[in-house]
């Protein structure tokens, strides 16, 4: 064990059980990861809801969803109807 060669000063008598002191020695607050995960989940739910509402608003009366329009006209090319169409 090294021997003490310098004289004692006020820092030698500081209590050792004071805990961590200072901005860089402070303990990290707990639960930071949970807060980030919750914000990500909230953002995903909001974007999914907005996308669903937007999709339904844009394509409500569209034939893209498989709903045939009752007033749709059948194209007759050259006076010949497509096969299977009775009219």
N, C-alpha and C. Protein backbone atom coordinates (compact mmCIF):
# COMPACT_ATOMS: atom_id res chain seq x y z
N UNK A 1 0.85 -1.16 0.00
CA UNK A 1 0.00 0.00 0.00
C UNK A 1 0.90 1.23 0.00
N UNK A 2 0.59 2.24 -0.88
CA UNK A 2 1.45 3.43 -0.95
C UNK A 2 1.32 4.26 0.32
N UNK A 3 2.38 4.87 0.65
CA UNK A 3 2.38 5.74 1.84
C UNK A 3 2.02 7.15 1.42
N UNK A 4 1.44 7.89 2.34
CA UNK A 4 1.01 9.26 2.06
C UNK A 4 2.22 10.19 2.20
N UNK A 5 2.57 10.88 1.09
CA UNK A 5 3.74 11.75 1.12
C UNK A 5 3.34 13.22 1.20
N UNK A 6 2.07 13.56 0.82
CA UNK A 6 1.67 14.97 0.87
C UNK A 6 0.97 15.25 2.19
N UNK A 7 0.88 16.52 2.49
CA UNK A 7 0.21 16.89 3.75
C UNK A 7 -1.30 16.77 3.58
N UNK A 8 -1.98 16.59 4.68
CA UNK A 8 -3.44 16.45 4.63
C UNK A 8 -4.08 17.81 4.43
N UNK A 9 -5.20 17.83 3.66
CA UNK A 9 -5.96 19.06 3.47
C UNK A 9 -7.43 18.78 3.76
N UNK A 10 -8.33 19.75 3.44
CA UNK A 10 -9.74 19.60 3.79
C UNK A 10 -10.45 18.53 2.96
N UNK A 11 -9.92 18.18 1.81
CA UNK A 11 -10.54 17.16 0.98
C UNK A 11 -10.30 15.75 1.51
N UNK A 12 -9.27 15.58 2.34
CA UNK A 12 -9.01 14.27 2.93
C UNK A 12 -10.03 13.94 3.99
N UNK A 13 -10.68 14.94 4.56
CA UNK A 13 -11.63 14.72 5.63
C UNK A 13 -13.09 14.74 5.15
N UNK A 14 -13.32 14.74 3.84
CA UNK A 14 -14.70 14.76 3.32
C UNK A 14 -15.37 13.41 3.61
N UNK A 15 -16.62 13.44 3.98
CA UNK A 15 -17.30 12.17 4.26
C UNK A 15 -17.45 11.34 2.99
N UNK A 16 -17.26 10.05 3.09
CA UNK A 16 -17.29 9.18 1.93
C UNK A 16 -18.69 8.64 1.63
N UNK A 17 -19.62 8.80 2.51
CA UNK A 17 -20.95 8.22 2.32
C UNK A 17 -21.99 9.27 1.90
N UNK A 18 -21.59 10.33 1.25
CA UNK A 18 -22.52 11.37 0.83
C UNK A 18 -23.30 10.98 -0.42
N UNK A 19 -22.92 9.97 -1.10
CA UNK A 19 -23.61 9.56 -2.32
C UNK A 19 -23.04 10.30 -3.52
N UNK A 20 -23.69 10.14 -4.61
CA UNK A 20 -23.23 10.75 -5.86
C UNK A 20 -23.69 12.19 -5.90
N UNK A 21 -22.80 13.08 -6.32
CA UNK A 21 -23.08 14.51 -6.35
C UNK A 21 -22.65 15.06 -7.70
N UNK A 22 -23.42 16.03 -8.22
CA UNK A 22 -23.04 16.68 -9.47
C UNK A 22 -23.90 16.19 -10.62
N UNK A 23 -23.94 16.99 -11.68
CA UNK A 23 -24.80 16.69 -12.82
C UNK A 23 -24.37 15.42 -13.55
N UNK A 24 -23.09 15.19 -13.67
CA UNK A 24 -22.61 14.05 -14.43
C UNK A 24 -22.56 12.78 -13.60
N UNK A 25 -22.77 12.89 -12.32
CA UNK A 25 -22.73 11.72 -11.46
C UNK A 25 -24.11 11.31 -10.99
N UNK A 26 -25.11 12.07 -11.36
CA UNK A 26 -26.46 11.74 -10.93
C UNK A 26 -26.92 10.46 -11.61
N UNK A 27 -27.74 9.71 -10.90
CA UNK A 27 -28.27 8.48 -11.47
C UNK A 27 -29.30 8.81 -12.54
N UNK A 28 -29.36 7.99 -13.55
CA UNK A 28 -30.34 8.19 -14.61
C UNK A 28 -31.73 7.91 -14.05
N UNK A 29 -32.69 8.74 -14.44
CA UNK A 29 -34.05 8.47 -13.96
C UNK A 29 -34.58 7.18 -14.58
N UNK A 30 -35.30 6.42 -13.79
CA UNK A 30 -35.83 5.15 -14.28
C UNK A 30 -37.05 5.34 -15.16
N UNK A 31 -37.31 4.39 -16.02
CA UNK A 31 -38.51 4.42 -16.84
C UNK A 31 -38.40 5.22 -18.11
N UNK A 32 -37.23 5.63 -18.52
CA UNK A 32 -37.11 6.42 -19.75
C UNK A 32 -37.44 5.57 -20.98
N UNK A 33 -37.08 4.31 -20.96
CA UNK A 33 -37.36 3.44 -22.10
C UNK A 33 -38.85 3.20 -22.29
N UNK A 34 -39.57 3.09 -21.18
CA UNK A 34 -41.02 2.88 -21.24
C UNK A 34 -41.70 4.09 -21.84
N UNK A 35 -41.25 5.28 -21.51
CA UNK A 35 -41.86 6.50 -22.05
C UNK A 35 -41.67 6.56 -23.56
N UNK A 36 -40.50 6.23 -24.04
CA UNK A 36 -40.22 6.25 -25.48
C UNK A 36 -41.09 5.22 -26.20
N UNK A 37 -41.19 4.03 -25.64
CA UNK A 37 -42.01 2.98 -26.26
C UNK A 37 -43.47 3.39 -26.31
N UNK A 38 -43.97 4.01 -25.25
CA UNK A 38 -45.36 4.45 -25.22
C UNK A 38 -45.62 5.52 -26.28
N UNK A 39 -44.71 6.48 -26.45
CA UNK A 39 -44.89 7.51 -27.47
C UNK A 39 -44.88 6.90 -28.87
N UNK A 40 -44.04 5.92 -29.10
CA UNK A 40 -44.00 5.26 -30.40
C UNK A 40 -45.31 4.53 -30.67
N UNK A 41 -45.82 3.81 -29.67
CA UNK A 41 -47.09 3.10 -29.84
C UNK A 41 -48.25 4.06 -30.08
N UNK A 42 -48.27 5.17 -29.38
CA UNK A 42 -49.33 6.17 -29.58
C UNK A 42 -49.25 6.74 -31.00
N UNK A 43 -48.04 7.03 -31.47
CA UNK A 43 -47.89 7.57 -32.82
C UNK A 43 -48.34 6.55 -33.87
N UNK A 44 -48.03 5.28 -33.67
CA UNK A 44 -48.46 4.25 -34.62
C UNK A 44 -49.98 4.16 -34.67
N UNK A 45 -50.63 4.18 -33.51
CA UNK A 45 -52.09 4.09 -33.47
C UNK A 45 -52.71 5.30 -34.16
N UNK A 46 -52.16 6.49 -33.92
CA UNK A 46 -52.71 7.70 -34.54
C UNK A 46 -52.56 7.64 -36.06
N UNK A 47 -51.39 7.23 -36.55
CA UNK A 47 -51.18 7.15 -37.99
C UNK A 47 -52.06 6.07 -38.64
N UNK A 48 -52.23 4.94 -37.98
CA UNK A 48 -53.10 3.91 -38.52
C UNK A 48 -54.56 4.38 -38.57
N UNK A 49 -55.00 5.04 -37.53
CA UNK A 49 -56.37 5.55 -37.51
C UNK A 49 -56.57 6.60 -38.60
N UNK A 50 -55.62 7.51 -38.74
CA UNK A 50 -55.74 8.54 -39.78
C UNK A 50 -55.71 7.92 -41.17
N UNK A 51 -54.88 6.94 -41.39
CA UNK A 51 -54.83 6.26 -42.68
C UNK A 51 -56.11 5.51 -42.99
N UNK A 52 -56.68 4.86 -41.99
CA UNK A 52 -57.93 4.14 -42.19
C UNK A 52 -59.07 5.09 -42.52
N UNK A 53 -59.18 6.16 -41.76
CA UNK A 53 -60.23 7.15 -42.02
C UNK A 53 -60.03 7.78 -43.39
N UNK A 54 -58.80 8.12 -43.74
CA UNK A 54 -58.52 8.70 -45.04
C UNK A 54 -58.83 7.74 -46.18
N UNK A 55 -58.48 6.48 -46.01
CA UNK A 55 -58.75 5.48 -47.04
C UNK A 55 -60.26 5.33 -47.24
N UNK A 56 -60.99 5.22 -46.14
CA UNK A 56 -62.44 5.05 -46.26
C UNK A 56 -63.10 6.29 -46.84
N UNK A 57 -62.59 7.47 -46.53
CA UNK A 57 -63.18 8.70 -47.07
C UNK A 57 -62.90 8.82 -48.57
N UNK A 58 -61.73 8.43 -49.02
CA UNK A 58 -61.39 8.55 -50.43
C UNK A 58 -62.07 7.50 -51.30
N UNK A 59 -62.18 6.29 -50.80
CA UNK A 59 -62.67 5.19 -51.61
C UNK A 59 -64.04 4.68 -51.17
N UNK A 60 -64.84 5.54 -50.59
CA UNK A 60 -66.14 5.12 -50.10
C UNK A 60 -67.06 4.68 -51.24
N UNK A 61 -67.11 5.41 -52.33
CA UNK A 61 -67.98 5.09 -53.47
C UNK A 61 -67.17 4.64 -54.68
N UNK A 62 -66.09 3.98 -54.46
CA UNK A 62 -65.21 3.59 -55.55
C UNK A 62 -65.37 2.11 -55.85
N UNK A 63 -65.14 1.74 -57.10
CA UNK A 63 -65.19 0.32 -57.47
C UNK A 63 -63.86 -0.38 -57.19
N UNK A 64 -62.91 0.33 -56.61
CA UNK A 64 -61.62 -0.29 -56.30
C UNK A 64 -61.74 -1.30 -55.17
N UNK A 65 -62.76 -1.14 -54.34
CA UNK A 65 -62.93 -2.06 -53.22
C UNK A 65 -63.74 -3.30 -53.60
N UNK A 66 -64.11 -3.43 -54.87
CA UNK A 66 -64.84 -4.60 -55.31
C UNK A 66 -66.34 -4.38 -55.37
N UNK A 67 -66.85 -3.24 -54.99
CA UNK A 67 -68.27 -2.96 -55.05
C UNK A 67 -68.59 -2.41 -56.43
N UNK A 68 -69.46 -3.11 -57.16
CA UNK A 68 -69.81 -2.67 -58.50
C UNK A 68 -70.82 -1.53 -58.41
N UNK A 69 -70.61 -0.54 -59.22
CA UNK A 69 -71.53 0.60 -59.28
C UNK A 69 -72.78 0.18 -60.03
N UNK A 70 -73.95 0.42 -59.47
CA UNK A 70 -75.20 -0.03 -60.08
C UNK A 70 -75.48 0.70 -61.39
N UNK A 71 -75.01 1.92 -61.53
CA UNK A 71 -75.27 2.69 -62.73
C UNK A 71 -74.15 2.65 -63.74
N UNK A 72 -73.26 1.69 -63.61
CA UNK A 72 -72.12 1.63 -64.52
C UNK A 72 -72.58 1.21 -65.91
N UNK A 73 -72.02 1.82 -66.90
CA UNK A 73 -72.38 1.51 -68.29
C UNK A 73 -71.48 0.42 -68.82
N UNK A 74 -72.02 -0.42 -69.68
CA UNK A 74 -71.23 -1.47 -70.31
C UNK A 74 -70.76 -0.95 -71.66
N UNK A 75 -69.49 -1.05 -71.88
CA UNK A 75 -68.93 -0.56 -73.14
C UNK A 75 -69.29 -1.50 -74.28
N UNK A 76 -69.83 -0.95 -75.31
CA UNK A 76 -70.16 -1.72 -76.49
C UNK A 76 -69.24 -1.22 -77.60
N UNK A 77 -68.35 -2.08 -78.05
CA UNK A 77 -67.37 -1.70 -79.05
C UNK A 77 -67.82 -2.26 -80.41
N UNK A 78 -68.01 -1.40 -81.37
CA UNK A 78 -68.37 -1.84 -82.71
C UNK A 78 -69.73 -2.50 -82.79
N UNK A 79 -70.64 -2.15 -81.85
CA UNK A 79 -71.98 -2.73 -81.88
C UNK A 79 -72.06 -4.14 -81.37
N UNK A 80 -70.97 -4.69 -80.78
CA UNK A 80 -70.96 -6.05 -80.27
C UNK A 80 -70.79 -6.00 -78.76
N UNK A 81 -71.73 -6.63 -78.06
CA UNK A 81 -71.63 -6.71 -76.61
C UNK A 81 -70.65 -7.80 -76.20
N UNK A 82 -70.01 -7.63 -75.05
CA UNK A 82 -69.12 -8.68 -74.54
C UNK A 82 -69.91 -9.96 -74.27
N UNK A 83 -69.28 -11.12 -74.40
CA UNK A 83 -70.00 -12.38 -74.16
C UNK A 83 -70.44 -12.48 -72.69
N UNK A 84 -71.59 -13.06 -72.47
CA UNK A 84 -72.12 -13.24 -71.13
C UNK A 84 -72.96 -12.09 -70.65
N UNK A 85 -73.09 -11.01 -71.41
CA UNK A 85 -73.87 -9.85 -71.02
C UNK A 85 -75.22 -9.95 -71.73
N UNK A 86 -76.28 -10.00 -70.95
CA UNK A 86 -77.61 -10.06 -71.52
C UNK A 86 -78.19 -8.66 -71.45
N UNK A 87 -78.68 -8.16 -72.51
CA UNK A 87 -79.21 -6.81 -72.45
C UNK A 87 -79.86 -6.45 -73.64
